[in-house]
Protein backbone atom coordinates (compact mmCIF):
# COMPACT_ATOMS: atom_id res chain seq x y z
CA UNK A 1 -66.29 -11.29 -5.58
CA UNK A 2 -68.10 -14.39 -4.34
CA UNK A 3 -66.63 -15.59 -1.06
CA UNK A 4 -66.14 -19.08 -2.54
CA UNK A 5 -64.20 -17.74 -5.54
CA UNK A 6 -60.43 -18.04 -5.22
CA UNK A 7 -58.65 -14.73 -5.73
CA UNK A 8 -55.51 -14.64 -7.83
CA UNK A 9 -54.03 -12.08 -5.43
CA UNK A 10 -54.71 -11.03 -1.86
CA UNK A 11 -53.47 -7.52 -1.16
CA UNK A 12 -52.28 -7.19 2.44
CA UNK A 13 -52.04 -3.79 4.12
CA UNK A 14 -50.78 -3.41 7.69
CA UNK A 15 -52.04 -0.14 9.13
CA UNK A 16 -51.00 1.67 12.29
CA UNK A 17 -52.30 5.21 12.79
CA UNK A 18 -52.40 5.67 9.02
CA UNK A 19 -55.53 7.82 8.76
CA UNK A 20 -53.68 10.36 6.62
CA UNK A 21 -52.46 7.74 4.12
CA UNK A 22 -54.89 4.81 4.10
CA UNK A 23 -57.76 6.46 2.14
CA UNK A 24 -55.45 7.30 -0.78
CA UNK A 25 -54.03 3.76 -0.74
CA UNK A 26 -57.48 2.14 -0.79
CA UNK A 27 -58.69 4.58 -3.45
CA UNK A 28 -55.77 3.53 -5.65
CA UNK A 29 -56.65 -0.13 -5.20
CA UNK A 30 -60.29 0.52 -6.08
CA UNK A 31 -59.31 1.59 -9.61
CA UNK A 32 -56.93 -1.27 -10.41
CA UNK A 33 -57.37 -2.70 -13.88
CA UNK A 34 -56.89 -6.19 -12.39
CA UNK A 35 -60.07 -7.75 -11.03
CA UNK A 36 -59.03 -11.05 -9.46
CA UNK A 37 -57.93 -9.76 -6.08
CA UNK A 38 -59.21 -9.20 -2.58
CA UNK A 39 -57.89 -6.98 0.22
CA UNK A 40 -57.01 -7.65 3.86
CA UNK A 41 -56.27 -4.74 6.18
CA UNK A 42 -54.69 -5.56 9.53
CA UNK A 43 -55.12 -2.68 11.96
CA UNK A 44 -52.47 -2.67 14.70
CA UNK A 45 -54.58 -1.04 17.42
CA UNK A 46 -54.70 2.39 15.78
CA UNK A 47 -56.07 5.29 17.81
CA UNK A 48 -56.49 7.82 14.98
CA UNK A 49 -59.67 6.50 13.40
CA UNK A 50 -57.94 4.69 10.55
CA UNK A 51 -59.68 1.43 11.46
CA UNK A 52 -63.02 3.08 10.72
CA UNK A 53 -61.67 4.33 7.39
CA UNK A 54 -60.90 0.75 6.37
CA UNK A 55 -64.27 -0.52 7.60
CA UNK A 56 -66.26 2.17 5.79
CA UNK A 57 -64.36 2.33 2.50
CA UNK A 58 -66.38 1.39 -0.61
CA UNK A 59 -63.70 -1.14 -1.57
CA UNK A 60 -64.58 -4.52 -0.10
CA UNK A 61 -62.03 -5.05 2.68
CA UNK A 62 -61.53 -7.90 5.11
CA UNK A 63 -60.59 -6.07 8.30
CA UNK A 64 -58.56 -7.74 11.03
CA UNK A 65 -58.63 -5.68 14.20
CA UNK A 66 -55.81 -6.33 16.63
CA UNK A 67 -56.14 -5.16 20.22
CA UNK A 68 -52.39 -4.50 20.36
CA UNK A 69 -49.63 -3.42 17.98
CA UNK A 70 -48.35 -6.71 16.59
CA UNK A 71 -45.66 -5.03 14.53
CA UNK A 72 -45.26 -5.10 10.77
CA UNK A 73 -43.84 -8.62 10.60
CA UNK A 74 -46.39 -10.47 12.74
CA UNK A 75 -49.35 -8.59 11.27
CA UNK A 76 -48.35 -9.49 7.72
CA UNK A 77 -47.85 -13.12 8.74
CA UNK A 78 -51.30 -13.19 10.30
CA UNK A 79 -52.89 -11.88 7.12
CA UNK A 80 -50.85 -14.22 4.90
CA UNK A 81 -52.26 -17.25 6.70
CA UNK A 82 -55.79 -16.03 6.02
CA UNK A 83 -55.16 -14.92 2.42
CA UNK A 84 -57.18 -16.75 -0.26
CA UNK A 85 -55.02 -15.73 -3.19
CA UNK A 86 -52.27 -17.77 -4.82
CA UNK A 87 -50.20 -14.59 -4.55
CA UNK A 88 -49.83 -12.10 -1.70
CA UNK A 89 -49.31 -8.46 -2.64
CA UNK A 90 -47.75 -6.61 0.28
CA UNK A 91 -48.59 -2.91 0.25
CA UNK A 92 -47.79 -0.20 2.76
CA UNK A 93 -50.61 2.24 3.53
CA UNK A 94 -48.33 5.07 2.36
CA UNK A 95 -47.75 3.38 -1.02
CA UNK A 96 -50.17 4.37 -3.77
CA UNK A 97 -50.18 2.02 -6.77
CA UNK A 98 -50.75 3.04 -10.35
CA UNK A 99 -53.96 1.56 -11.86
CA UNK A 100 -52.09 -1.18 -13.73
CA UNK A 101 -49.81 -2.11 -10.80
CA UNK A 102 -51.29 -5.53 -10.08
CA UNK A 103 -51.71 -6.36 -13.76
CA UNK A 104 -48.03 -5.58 -14.37
CA UNK A 105 -46.92 -7.78 -11.47
CA UNK A 106 -49.14 -10.67 -12.52
CA UNK A 107 -47.88 -10.42 -16.09
CA UNK A 108 -44.32 -10.75 -14.74
CA UNK A 109 -45.23 -14.00 -12.98
CA UNK A 110 -46.15 -15.41 -16.40
CA UNK A 111 -42.81 -14.32 -17.88
CA UNK A 112 -40.87 -15.80 -14.95
CA UNK A 113 -42.70 -18.99 -13.90
CA UNK A 114 -39.85 -20.17 -11.66
CA UNK A 115 -39.76 -16.97 -9.58
CA UNK A 116 -41.70 -16.55 -6.32
CA UNK A 117 -40.97 -12.90 -5.41
CA UNK A 118 -41.44 -9.69 -7.38
CA UNK A 119 -40.69 -6.05 -6.57
CA UNK A 120 -42.20 -2.76 -7.71
CA UNK A 121 -40.74 0.53 -8.86
CA UNK A 122 -41.23 2.94 -5.97
CA UNK A 123 -41.51 6.57 -7.00
CA UNK A 124 -41.07 9.36 -4.45
CA UNK A 125 -44.63 10.45 -3.63
CA UNK A 126 -43.44 14.00 -2.91
CA UNK A 127 -41.18 14.30 -5.97
CA UNK A 128 -42.30 12.05 -8.85
CA UNK A 129 -39.14 12.87 -10.78
CA UNK A 130 -37.14 10.80 -8.30
CA UNK A 131 -37.06 7.18 -7.26
CA UNK A 132 -37.93 5.98 -3.79
CA UNK A 133 -36.55 2.52 -4.50
CA UNK A 134 -35.85 -0.32 -6.95
CA UNK A 135 -35.80 -3.24 -4.56
CA UNK A 136 -33.48 -4.08 -1.69
CA UNK A 137 -29.72 -4.22 -2.13
CA UNK A 138 -27.27 -5.81 0.30
CA UNK A 139 -23.71 -4.56 0.82
CA UNK A 140 -21.33 -7.41 1.67
CA UNK A 141 -20.42 -5.86 5.05
CA UNK A 142 -23.96 -6.34 6.33
CA UNK A 143 -25.58 -3.07 5.26
CA UNK A 144 -28.90 -3.36 3.44
CA UNK A 145 -30.06 -0.39 1.40
CA UNK A 146 -33.00 0.65 -0.73
CA UNK A 147 -31.56 0.57 -4.22
CA UNK A 148 -32.09 3.67 -6.31
CA UNK A 149 -33.38 5.82 -3.46
CA UNK A 150 -33.22 9.51 -4.39
CA UNK A 151 -31.88 8.89 -7.89
CA UNK A 152 -33.58 10.51 -10.91
CA UNK A 153 -36.40 8.53 -12.51
CA UNK A 154 -35.69 8.21 -16.22
CA UNK A 155 -38.35 6.21 -18.04
CA UNK A 156 -39.02 2.55 -17.33
CA UNK A 157 -36.27 1.17 -15.04
CA UNK A 158 -36.51 -2.18 -16.81
CA UNK A 159 -36.84 -5.68 -15.44
CA UNK A 160 -34.35 -8.05 -13.90
CA UNK A 161 -33.22 -9.93 -10.83
CA UNK A 162 -32.43 -8.15 -7.57
CA UNK A 163 -31.32 -9.27 -4.14
CA UNK A 164 -34.90 -8.95 -2.88
CA UNK A 165 -38.13 -6.95 -3.19
CA UNK A 166 -38.92 -4.09 -0.84
CA UNK A 167 -41.98 -5.02 1.23
CA UNK A 168 -43.57 -1.60 0.73
CA UNK A 169 -44.96 -2.96 -2.55
CA UNK A 170 -44.05 -6.57 -3.30
CA UNK A 171 -45.64 -9.73 -4.65
CA UNK A 172 -44.90 -13.12 -3.08
CA UNK A 173 -46.25 -16.54 -3.94
CA UNK A 174 -48.27 -17.38 -0.84
CA UNK A 175 -47.05 -20.97 -0.56
CA UNK A 176 -43.42 -19.85 -0.72
CA UNK A 177 -43.90 -17.03 1.77
CA UNK A 178 -45.43 -19.45 4.28
CA UNK A 179 -42.84 -22.16 3.56
CA UNK A 180 -40.11 -19.69 4.53
CA UNK A 181 -41.96 -18.90 7.74
CA UNK A 182 -42.95 -15.42 6.60
CA UNK A 183 -41.35 -12.39 8.16
CA UNK A 184 -39.17 -12.72 11.27
CA UNK A 185 -41.55 -11.63 14.03
CA UNK A 186 -38.76 -10.96 16.53
CA UNK A 187 -37.79 -8.03 14.30
CA UNK A 188 -41.18 -6.36 14.96
CA UNK A 189 -40.58 -3.78 12.25
CA UNK A 190 -37.88 -2.85 9.69
CA UNK A 191 -35.46 -5.16 7.90
CA UNK A 192 -37.82 -8.13 7.83
CA UNK A 193 -38.05 -7.97 4.03
CA UNK A 194 -34.24 -8.10 3.72
CA UNK A 195 -34.06 -11.08 6.07
CA UNK A 196 -36.83 -12.88 4.17
CA UNK A 197 -35.12 -12.18 0.85
CA UNK A 198 -31.83 -13.53 2.26
CA UNK A 199 -33.46 -16.74 3.48
CA UNK A 200 -35.24 -17.05 0.14
CA UNK A 201 -31.89 -16.75 -1.66
CA UNK A 202 -30.25 -19.28 0.68
CA UNK A 203 -32.89 -21.84 -0.24
CA UNK A 204 -32.35 -21.28 -3.97
CA UNK A 205 -35.06 -18.69 -4.56
CA UNK A 206 -34.93 -15.73 -6.91
CA UNK A 207 -36.53 -12.28 -7.01
CA UNK A 208 -37.37 -10.10 -10.01
CA UNK A 209 -37.83 -6.34 -10.02
CA UNK A 210 -40.67 -5.27 -12.33
CA UNK A 211 -39.87 -1.80 -13.64
CA UNK A 212 -43.32 -1.18 -15.12
CA UNK A 213 -45.18 -1.93 -11.87
CA UNK A 214 -45.17 1.46 -10.16
CA UNK A 215 -46.29 2.87 -6.82
CA UNK A 216 -45.82 6.28 -5.29
CA UNK A 217 -44.34 5.82 -1.85
CA UNK A 218 -43.95 8.30 0.99
CA UNK A 219 -41.40 6.14 2.79
CA UNK A 220 -41.59 5.94 6.60
CA UNK A 221 -44.53 8.28 6.30
CA UNK A 222 -45.95 6.95 9.56
CA UNK A 223 -42.99 6.00 11.76
CA UNK A 224 -40.65 8.75 10.49
CA UNK A 225 -37.54 8.23 8.39
CA UNK A 226 -35.15 9.47 11.09
CA UNK A 227 -37.11 8.67 14.22
CA UNK A 228 -35.59 6.91 17.23
CA UNK A 229 -37.96 4.01 16.50
CA UNK A 230 -36.70 3.62 12.94
CA UNK A 231 -33.04 3.92 13.90
CA UNK A 232 -33.29 1.42 16.74
CA UNK A 233 -35.22 -1.31 14.94
CA UNK A 234 -33.45 -0.86 11.62
CA UNK A 235 -29.93 -1.24 13.03
CA UNK A 236 -30.70 -3.95 15.58
CA UNK A 237 -32.40 -6.04 12.92
CA UNK A 238 -29.69 -5.56 10.30
CA UNK A 239 -27.09 -6.99 12.73
CA UNK A 240 -29.31 -10.01 13.43
CA UNK A 241 -29.84 -10.52 9.69
CA UNK A 242 -26.12 -10.43 9.01
CA UNK A 243 -25.21 -12.82 11.83
CA UNK A 244 -27.83 -15.42 10.96
CA UNK A 245 -28.04 -15.25 7.19
CA UNK A 246 -24.57 -14.52 5.80
CA UNK A 247 -22.89 -17.78 4.64
CA UNK A 248 -19.97 -18.83 6.84
CA UNK A 249 -17.13 -18.11 4.41
CA UNK A 250 -18.55 -14.72 3.50
CA UNK A 251 -19.24 -13.97 7.17
CA UNK A 252 -15.63 -14.62 8.20
CA UNK A 253 -14.27 -12.61 5.28
CA UNK A 254 -16.59 -9.65 5.80
CA UNK A 255 -16.70 -9.48 9.61
CA UNK A 256 -13.88 -6.90 9.95
CA UNK A 257 -15.68 -4.71 7.42
CA UNK A 258 -18.97 -5.19 9.27
CA UNK A 259 -17.40 -4.04 12.54
CA UNK A 260 -15.77 -1.09 10.77
CA UNK A 261 -19.12 -0.11 9.23
CA UNK A 262 -20.74 -0.10 12.67
CA UNK A 263 -18.02 2.21 13.95
CA UNK A 264 -18.25 4.43 10.87
CA UNK A 265 -21.96 4.97 11.57
CA UNK A 266 -21.33 6.30 15.09
CA UNK A 267 -20.28 9.86 14.10
CA UNK A 268 -22.76 9.98 11.22
CA UNK A 269 -25.70 9.14 13.45
CA UNK A 270 -24.39 11.37 16.21
CA UNK A 271 -24.51 14.32 13.81
CA UNK A 272 -28.08 13.32 12.92
CA UNK A 273 -29.09 13.26 16.61
CA UNK A 274 -29.61 9.49 16.52
CA UNK A 275 -26.62 8.26 18.53
CA UNK A 276 -28.53 7.02 21.57
CA UNK A 277 -31.04 4.80 19.71
CA UNK A 278 -28.19 3.52 17.54
CA UNK A 279 -26.06 2.51 20.53
CA UNK A 280 -29.11 0.85 22.14
CA UNK A 281 -29.68 -1.03 18.91
CA UNK A 282 -26.11 -2.40 18.90
CA UNK A 283 -26.31 -3.28 22.58
CA UNK A 284 -29.58 -5.16 22.16
CA UNK A 285 -28.37 -6.83 18.98
CA UNK A 286 -25.46 -8.32 20.91
CA UNK A 287 -27.64 -9.27 23.88
CA UNK A 288 -30.19 -10.95 21.64
CA UNK A 289 -27.92 -12.59 19.09
CA UNK A 290 -27.63 -16.06 20.66
CA UNK A 291 -30.82 -17.59 19.19
CA UNK A 292 -29.97 -16.21 15.75
CA UNK A 293 -26.50 -17.75 15.89
CA UNK A 294 -28.03 -21.06 16.99
CA UNK A 295 -30.40 -20.98 14.02
CA UNK A 296 -27.53 -20.55 11.55
CA UNK A 297 -26.68 -24.26 11.52
CA UNK A 298 -30.06 -25.45 10.32
CA UNK A 299 -30.51 -22.55 7.91
CA UNK A 300 -27.14 -23.03 6.23
CA UNK A 301 -27.22 -26.83 6.23
CA UNK A 302 -30.02 -26.51 3.69
CA UNK A 303 -28.09 -23.86 1.77
CA UNK A 304 -24.93 -25.79 0.89
CA UNK A 305 -23.64 -24.87 -2.52
CA UNK A 306 -25.33 -21.47 -2.45
CA UNK A 307 -22.35 -19.39 -1.27
CA UNK A 308 -21.12 -18.49 -4.76
CA UNK A 309 -24.61 -17.60 -5.91
CA UNK A 310 -25.21 -15.46 -2.81
CA UNK A 311 -21.91 -13.67 -3.39
CA UNK A 312 -23.11 -12.71 -6.87
CA UNK A 313 -26.24 -11.05 -5.47
CA UNK A 314 -24.33 -8.83 -3.02
CA UNK A 315 -23.07 -5.30 -3.63
CA UNK A 316 -19.29 -5.14 -3.22
CA UNK A 317 -18.45 -1.54 -4.13
CA UNK A 318 -18.64 1.08 -1.33
CA UNK A 319 -19.27 3.71 -3.98
CA UNK A 320 -22.30 1.76 -5.22
CA UNK A 321 -23.59 1.62 -1.66
CA UNK A 322 -23.11 5.36 -1.07
CA UNK A 323 -24.81 6.15 -4.38
CA UNK A 324 -27.55 3.58 -3.70
CA UNK A 325 -26.83 2.22 -7.14
CA UNK A 326 -29.31 -0.49 -8.13
CA UNK A 327 -27.93 -3.95 -8.82
CA UNK A 328 -30.25 -5.52 -11.38
CA UNK A 329 -29.14 -8.36 -13.62
CA UNK A 330 -30.75 -10.39 -16.40
CA UNK A 331 -33.00 -13.11 -14.99
CA UNK A 332 -32.26 -16.71 -15.88
CA UNK A 333 -34.86 -18.38 -18.09
């Protein structure tokens, strides 16, 4: 592609010690049926040679080398500011798109011209008969979850609105992503897509899950699904998201359930050997909550009248949460 030609999509990959996954990801992009896209890889100071993989791959890649680990949020924001496409396709290095992935997402933007965010069907890379996710769901007590995780994959999951797209494989209109401020960089990693989706919803935005746009996803293939790192950042950030983003009336009504959920997780994570990072996460969430509470006023002043619509997007059934049942509804025209 000529450097002066404007891409329809810029694919953004944030890589950190992803030498085992990045080649497969880039190979999958190199056979996309879509042609109007370019690729930015941000390397977060990897030490496993993955930066050389990106530099040497036959696919034309714009490589941003960071001399330190910026985290997932800041690295994506950095790439978004440099992206030339009208759309930004966020893709984890352990997510491997089907050849028509970008074409399917772009076709959805034509069907839903008023929508700025789109999610992909994530198939378990190790067991293609099962789902890895159908977007992000949000339980009213402040518990985000990957909808559909572990459930059987039966044909095309269909298309409809969801709370928000999972950032492992999502499409955002660049102007909207930047208008929202991108991902919350204080999160560093984990939960930033849920927070962004919440702020998007508060400002009147919508998100559509595109069932036919498929990727195979390993899921925490680099950081580890049950690592101390994942537990700490995931739970600290979910508390910050809840305290800043939940509308006031819903916050007051759900706070007892939020506190009960935090207590409920203590024995569960203790049995999983993750009690210490979980308790550190809660401690640091409380210590660091002041700026997020201060930011509520401005965020929710612009979101007046959205409480009822936000309530509709939330998951209210504990059984739906435990089953990771997707909540997908018909998009408005």
